[in-house]
Amino acid sequence: MHPFLVSTALVALAEIGDKTQLLSLLLAARYRAPLPIIAGILAATLANHGLAAAAGDLLAHAISPRLLDWAVVLSFVLMGLWILVPDKLDDEELPRRSARGVFLATAASFFLAEMGDKTQVATVALAARYSEWLPVVAGTTLGMLAANVPAVLFGHRFADRLPTRWVHAVAALMFLVLGGLALHKALQAG
């Protein structure tokens, strides 16, 4: 399957109930300015996932293909399990409105919230797996927007109705299937 489509689907599903989606809801409730919030999410995701994909691409070229195959297997399986652990975000973690504006507050908050987050780790693994930086970053960014833009625009109305547990289960299953496919590839190479 194409890296762009896999990256989009995995991150969109992984993002449901993630702390950055909760951050989207809180920012939307606090600032009530959807366009600068969405622009901040886009800027932060491009920067964060661009760096993550670059790290994944470096890993793909820095370690042996056999070791990389096994690292990808492990990362997909761990991501599949990690995604089952729900995230929480405290309101105190949100920045206060400053002169820098809603855009900068959102971009800074999102960039920092994504550090070491499931979707950032997934971006590293996807970039290492596919060795295609641009489709992975484009896909993970679209997946992030697909999950967070509705949260910014409509989330407060639907937050309690979303079957987060089922969405996490589907996302976990997708990561485990990718881990199985990567395992098959690793066993074939070895």
C-alpha atoms as a PDB file:
ATOM      1  CA  MET A   1       0.000   0.000   0.000  1.00  0.00           C
ATOM      2  CA  HIS A   2       1.217   3.507  -0.732  1.00  0.00           C
ATOM      3  CA  PRO A   3       3.115   5.212   2.131  1.00  0.00           C
ATOM      4  CA  PHE A   4       0.896   8.322   1.891  1.00  0.00           C
ATOM      5  CA  LEU A   5      -2.326   6.339   2.370  1.00  0.00           C
ATOM      6  CA  VAL A   6      -0.936   4.155   5.156  1.00  0.00           C
ATOM      7  CA  SER A   7       0.492   7.202   6.954  1.00  0.00           C
ATOM      8  CA  THR A   8      -2.773   9.133   6.655  1.00  0.00           C
ATOM      9  CA  ALA A   9      -4.949   6.289   7.916  1.00  0.00           C
ATOM     10  CA  LEU A  10      -2.685   5.267  10.787  1.00  0.00           C
ATOM     11  CA  VAL A  11      -2.207   8.773  12.153  1.00  0.00           C
ATOM     12  CA  ALA A  12      -5.868   9.747  11.739  1.00  0.00           C
ATOM     13  CA  LEU A  13      -6.916   6.694  13.750  1.00  0.00           C
ATOM     14  CA  ALA A  14      -4.069   6.957  16.250  1.00  0.00           C
ATOM     15  CA  GLU A  15      -4.936  10.589  16.893  1.00  0.00           C
ATOM     16  CA  ILE A  16      -8.491   9.847  18.071  1.00  0.00           C
ATOM     17  CA  GLY A  17      -8.448  10.435  21.816  1.00  0.00           C
ATOM     18  CA  ASP A  18      -4.744  11.374  21.747  1.00  0.00           C
ATOM     19  CA  LYS A  19      -3.502  14.232  23.922  1.00  0.00           C
ATOM     20  CA  THR A  20      -3.068  16.483  20.883  1.00  0.00           C
ATOM     21  CA  GLN A  21      -6.708  15.927  19.940  1.00  0.00           C
ATOM     22  CA  LEU A  22      -7.647  16.822  23.496  1.00  0.00           C
ATOM     23  CA  LEU A  23      -5.407  19.872  23.117  1.00  0.00           C
ATOM     24  CA  SER A  24      -7.372  20.810  19.974  1.00  0.00           C
ATOM     25  CA  LEU A  25     -10.618  20.672  21.926  1.00  0.00           C
ATOM     26  CA  LEU A  26      -9.212  22.754  24.771  1.00  0.00           C
ATOM     27  CA  LEU A  27      -7.694  25.369  22.464  1.00  0.00           C
ATOM     28  CA  ALA A  28     -10.961  25.656  20.542  1.00  0.00           C
ATOM     29  CA  ALA A  29     -12.921  26.099  23.761  1.00  0.00           C
ATOM     30  CA  ARG A  30     -10.479  28.629  25.173  1.00  0.00           C
ATOM     31  CA  TYR A  31      -9.762  30.802  22.139  1.00  0.00           C
ATOM     32  CA  ARG A  32     -12.808  30.260  19.891  1.00  0.00           C
ATOM     33  CA  ALA A  33     -10.689  31.104  16.851  1.00  0.00           C
ATOM     34  CA  PRO A  34     -10.702  28.016  14.605  1.00  0.00           C
ATOM     35  CA  LEU A  35      -8.631  29.284  11.660  1.00  0.00           C
ATOM     36  CA  PRO A  36      -5.511  30.303  13.636  1.00  0.00           C
ATOM     37  CA  ILE A  37      -5.785  27.088  15.664  1.00  0.00           C
ATOM     38  CA  ILE A  38      -5.966  24.952  12.506  1.00  0.00           C
ATOM     39  CA  ALA A  39      -3.066  26.897  10.966  1.00  0.00           C
ATOM     40  CA  GLY A  40      -1.050  26.362  14.165  1.00  0.00           C
ATOM     41  CA  ILE A  41      -1.788  22.628  14.099  1.00  0.00           C
ATOM     42  CA  LEU A  42      -0.676  22.453  10.452  1.00  0.00           C
ATOM     43  CA  ALA A  43       2.571  24.362  11.071  1.00  0.00           C
ATOM     44  CA  ALA A  44       3.456  22.366  14.191  1.00  0.00           C
ATOM     45  CA  THR A  45       2.669  19.029  12.556  1.00  0.00           C
ATOM     46  CA  LEU A  46       4.709  19.797   9.432  1.00  0.00           C
ATOM     47  CA  ALA A  47       7.695  20.818  11.559  1.00  0.00           C
ATOM     48  CA  ASN A  48       7.428  17.979  14.067  1.00  0.00           C
ATOM     49  CA  HIS A  49       6.650  15.192  11.617  1.00  0.00           C
ATOM     50  CA  GLY A  50       9.203  16.552   9.144  1.00  0.00           C
ATOM     51  CA  LEU A  51      11.877  16.140  11.800  1.00  0.00           C
ATOM     52  CA  ALA A  52      10.504  12.719  12.783  1.00  0.00           C
ATOM     53  CA  ALA A  53      10.514  11.505   9.167  1.00  0.00           C
ATOM     54  CA  ALA A  54      14.049  12.811   8.705  1.00  0.00           C
ATOM     55  CA  ALA A  55      15.085  10.821  11.789  1.00  0.00           C
ATOM     56  CA  GLY A  56      13.362   7.727  10.410  1.00  0.00           C
ATOM     57  CA  ASP A  57      15.045   8.173   7.049  1.00  0.00           C
ATOM     58  CA  LEU A  58      18.432   8.594   8.748  1.00  0.00           C
ATOM     59  CA  LEU A  59      17.844   5.408  10.720  1.00  0.00           C
ATOM     60  CA  ALA A  60      16.933   3.591   7.521  1.00  0.00           C
ATOM     61  CA  HIS A  61      20.277   4.542   6.010  1.00  0.00           C
ATOM     62  CA  ALA A  62      22.432   4.329   9.152  1.00  0.00           C
ATOM     63  CA  ILE A  63      21.720   0.799  10.266  1.00  0.00           C
ATOM     64  CA  SER A  64      21.850  -2.477   8.409  1.00  0.00           C
ATOM     65  CA  PRO A  65      18.731  -3.465   6.453  1.00  0.00           C
ATOM     66  CA  ARG A  66      18.308  -6.605   8.582  1.00  0.00           C
ATOM     67  CA  LEU A  67      18.478  -4.656  11.855  1.00  0.00           C
ATOM     68  CA  LEU A  68      16.136  -2.013  10.391  1.00  0.00           C
ATOM     69  CA  ASP A  69      13.597  -4.705   9.466  1.00  0.00           C
ATOM     70  CA  TRP A  70      13.529  -5.944  13.058  1.00  0.00           C
ATOM     71  CA  ALA A  71      13.408  -2.386  14.464  1.00  0.00           C
ATOM     72  CA  VAL A  72      10.387  -1.662  12.266  1.00  0.00           C
ATOM     73  CA  VAL A  73       8.683  -4.875  13.432  1.00  0.00           C
ATOM     74  CA  LEU A  74       9.274  -3.934  17.052  1.00  0.00           C
ATOM     75  CA  SER A  75       8.162  -0.320  16.579  1.00  0.00           C
ATOM     76  CA  PHE A  76       4.884  -1.276  14.856  1.00  0.00           C
ATOM     77  CA  VAL A  77       4.048  -3.885  17.499  1.00  0.00           C
ATOM     78  CA  LEU A  78       4.883  -1.475  20.338  1.00  0.00           C
ATOM     79  CA  MET A  79       2.827   1.277  18.650  1.00  0.00           C
ATOM     80  CA  GLY A  80      -0.089  -1.129  18.367  1.00  0.00           C
ATOM     81  CA  LEU A  81       0.067  -1.778  22.095  1.00  0.00           C
ATOM     82  CA  TRP A  82       0.832   1.843  23.092  1.00  0.00           C
ATOM     83  CA  ILE A  83      -2.180   3.174  21.233  1.00  0.00           C
ATOM     84  CA  LEU A  84      -4.444   1.225  23.568  1.00  0.00           C
ATOM     85  CA  VAL A  85      -3.284   3.447  26.465  1.00  0.00           C
ATOM     86  CA  PRO A  86      -5.522   6.556  26.522  1.00  0.00           C
ATOM     87  CA  ASP A  87      -3.955  10.004  26.811  1.00  0.00           C
ATOM     88  CA  LYS A  88      -4.983  12.731  29.218  1.00  0.00           C
ATOM     89  CA  LEU A  89      -4.275  16.448  29.110  1.00  0.00           C
ATOM     90  CA  ASP A  90      -4.622  18.873  31.980  1.00  0.00           C
ATOM     91  CA  ASP A  91      -6.081  22.326  31.341  1.00  0.00           C
ATOM     92  CA  GLU A  92      -3.073  23.794  33.179  1.00  0.00           C
ATOM     93  CA  GLU A  93      -0.827  22.591  30.337  1.00  0.00           C
ATOM     94  CA  LEU A  94      -2.474  25.038  27.925  1.00  0.00           C
ATOM     95  CA  PRO A  95      -0.704  28.319  27.293  1.00  0.00           C
ATOM     96  CA  ARG A  96      -2.491  31.476  28.326  1.00  0.00           C
ATOM     97  CA  ARG A  97      -3.494  33.896  25.558  1.00  0.00           C
ATOM     98  CA  SER A  98      -0.523  36.111  24.872  1.00  0.00           C
ATOM     99  CA  ALA A  99       0.404  38.945  22.563  1.00  0.00           C
ATOM    100  CA  ARG A 100       1.917  36.372  20.201  1.00  0.00           C
ATOM    101  CA  GLY A 101      -1.555  35.263  19.330  1.00  0.00           C
ATOM    102  CA  VAL A 102      -3.555  32.111  19.062  1.00  0.00           C
ATOM    103  CA  PHE A 103      -1.538  30.799  16.103  1.00  0.00           C
ATOM    104  CA  LEU A 104       1.788  30.886  17.950  1.00  0.00           C
ATOM    105  CA  ALA A 105       0.248  29.500  21.136  1.00  0.00           C
ATOM    106  CA  THR A 106      -1.267  26.619  19.150  1.00  0.00           C
ATOM    107  CA  ALA A 107       1.865  25.939  17.097  1.00  0.00           C
ATOM    108  CA  ALA A 108       4.107  25.921  20.168  1.00  0.00           C
ATOM    109  CA  SER A 109       1.689  23.796  22.209  1.00  0.00           C
ATOM    110  CA  PHE A 110       1.216  21.266  19.437  1.00  0.00           C
ATOM    111  CA  PHE A 111       4.884  20.991  18.570  1.00  0.00           C
ATOM    112  CA  LEU A 112       5.759  20.298  22.209  1.00  0.00           C
ATOM    113  CA  ALA A 113       2.800  17.961  22.766  1.00  0.00           C
ATOM    114  CA  GLU A 114       3.884  15.881  19.766  1.00  0.00           C
ATOM    115  CA  MET A 115       7.411  15.363  21.121  1.00  0.00           C
ATOM    116  CA  GLY A 116       7.652  11.656  21.899  1.00  0.00           C
ATOM    117  CA  ASP A 117       3.942  11.213  21.154  1.00  0.00           C
ATOM    118  CA  LYS A 118       2.516   8.109  19.489  1.00  0.00           C
ATOM    119  CA  THR A 119       2.017   9.856  16.165  1.00  0.00           C
ATOM    120  CA  GLN A 120       5.570  11.225  16.153  1.00  0.00           C
ATOM    121  CA  VAL A 121       6.996   7.782  16.894  1.00  0.00           C
ATOM    122  CA  ALA A 122       4.725   6.345  14.200  1.00  0.00           C
ATOM    123  CA  THR A 123       6.100   8.916  11.737  1.00  0.00           C
ATOM    124  CA  VAL A 124       9.669   7.832  12.522  1.00  0.00           C
ATOM    125  CA  ALA A 125       8.711   4.174  12.008  1.00  0.00           C
ATOM    126  CA  LEU A 126       6.786   4.864   8.792  1.00  0.00           C
ATOM    127  CA  ALA A 127       9.644   6.904   7.324  1.00  0.00           C
ATOM    128  CA  ALA A 128      12.115   4.154   8.231  1.00  0.00           C
ATOM    129  CA  ARG A 129       9.818   1.487   6.785  1.00  0.00           C
ATOM    130  CA  TYR A 130       9.051   3.177   3.486  1.00  0.00           C
ATOM    131  CA  SER A 131      12.160   5.360   3.020  1.00  0.00           C
ATOM    132  CA  GLU A 132       9.943   7.977   1.407  1.00  0.00           C
ATOM    133  CA  TRP A 133      10.077  11.149   3.446  1.00  0.00           C
ATOM    134  CA  LEU A 134       7.610  13.354   1.564  1.00  0.00           C
ATOM    135  CA  PRO A 135       4.658  10.924   1.263  1.00  0.00           C
ATOM    136  CA  VAL A 136       5.019   9.958   4.920  1.00  0.00           C
ATOM    137  CA  VAL A 137       5.065  13.572   6.172  1.00  0.00           C
ATOM    138  CA  ALA A 138       2.214  14.535   3.850  1.00  0.00           C
ATOM    139  CA  GLY A 139       0.205  11.524   5.003  1.00  0.00           C
ATOM    140  CA  THR A 140       0.838  11.942   8.713  1.00  0.00           C
ATOM    141  CA  THR A 141       0.043  15.653   8.456  1.00  0.00           C
ATOM    142  CA  LEU A 142      -3.205  14.955   6.614  1.00  0.00           C
ATOM    143  CA  GLY A 143      -4.074  12.300   9.191  1.00  0.00           C
ATOM    144  CA  MET A 144      -3.388  14.771  11.995  1.00  0.00           C
ATOM    145  CA  LEU A 145      -5.597  17.386  10.338  1.00  0.00           C
ATOM    146  CA  ALA A 146      -8.336  14.845   9.600  1.00  0.00           C
ATOM    147  CA  ALA A 147      -8.568  14.032  13.304  1.00  0.00           C
ATOM    148  CA  ASN A 148      -8.011  17.513  14.726  1.00  0.00           C
ATOM    149  CA  VAL A 149      -9.859  19.911  12.408  1.00  0.00           C
ATOM    150  CA  PRO A 150     -13.250  18.380  13.270  1.00  0.00           C
ATOM    151  CA  ALA A 151     -12.243  18.523  16.937  1.00  0.00           C
ATOM    152  CA  VAL A 152     -11.531  22.239  16.580  1.00  0.00           C
ATOM    153  CA  LEU A 153     -14.722  22.941  14.636  1.00  0.00           C
ATOM    154  CA  PHE A 154     -17.249  20.591  16.225  1.00  0.00           C
ATOM    155  CA  GLY A 155     -15.561  18.612  18.978  1.00  0.00           C
ATOM    156  CA  HIS A 156     -17.296  20.061  21.970  1.00  0.00           C
ATOM    157  CA  ARG A 157     -20.622  18.804  20.554  1.00  0.00           C
ATOM    158  CA  PHE A 158     -19.493  15.242  19.794  1.00  0.00           C
ATOM    159  CA  ALA A 159     -16.678  14.467  22.235  1.00  0.00           C
ATOM    160  CA  ASP A 160     -18.808  12.190  24.394  1.00  0.00           C
ATOM    161  CA  ARG A 161     -20.347  10.295  21.459  1.00  0.00           C
ATOM    162  CA  LEU A 162     -17.159   9.082  19.758  1.00  0.00           C
ATOM    163  CA  PRO A 163     -16.430   5.399  20.418  1.00  0.00           C
ATOM    164  CA  THR A 164     -12.793   6.128  21.288  1.00  0.00           C
ATOM    165  CA  ARG A 165     -12.188   2.637  22.592  1.00  0.00           C
ATOM    166  CA  TRP A 166     -13.192   1.071  19.253  1.00  0.00           C
ATOM    167  CA  VAL A 167     -11.198   3.594  17.227  1.00  0.00           C
ATOM    168  CA  HIS A 168      -8.114   2.834  19.334  1.00  0.00           C
ATOM    169  CA  ALA A 169      -8.687  -0.895  18.849  1.00  0.00           C
ATOM    170  CA  VAL A 170      -8.857  -0.489  15.055  1.00  0.00           C
ATOM    171  CA  ALA A 171      -5.720   1.671  15.036  1.00  0.00           C
ATOM    172  CA  ALA A 172      -3.906  -0.827  17.265  1.00  0.00           C
ATOM    173  CA  LEU A 173      -4.947  -3.642  14.947  1.00  0.00           C
ATOM    174  CA  MET A 174      -3.628  -1.715  11.925  1.00  0.00           C
ATOM    175  CA  PHE A 175      -0.241  -1.226  13.623  1.00  0.00           C
ATOM    176  CA  LEU A 176      -0.137  -4.912  14.559  1.00  0.00           C
ATOM    177  CA  VAL A 177      -0.980  -5.935  10.965  1.00  0.00           C
ATOM    178  CA  LEU A 178       1.821  -3.671   9.713  1.00  0.00           C
ATOM    179  CA  GLY A 179       4.072  -5.261  12.326  1.00  0.00           C
ATOM    180  CA  GLY A 180       3.086  -8.692  11.011  1.00  0.00           C
ATOM    181  CA  LEU A 181       3.822  -7.643   7.443  1.00  0.00           C
ATOM    182  CA  ALA A 182       7.168  -6.228   8.546  1.00  0.00           C
ATOM    183  CA  LEU A 183       7.877  -9.460  10.432  1.00  0.00           C
ATOM    184  CA  HIS A 184       7.140 -11.457   7.275  1.00  0.00           C
ATOM    185  CA  LYS A 185       9.580  -9.239   5.361  1.00  0.00           C
ATOM    186  CA  ALA A 186      12.224  -9.584   8.106  1.00  0.00           C
ATOM    187  CA  LEU A 187      11.914 -13.370   8.123  1.00  0.00           C
ATOM    188  CA  GLN A 188      12.143 -13.519   4.337  1.00  0.00           C
ATOM    189  CA  ALA A 189      15.316 -11.377   4.378  1.00  0.00           C
ATOM    190  CA  GLY A 190      16.968 -13.454   7.068  1.00  0.00           C
END
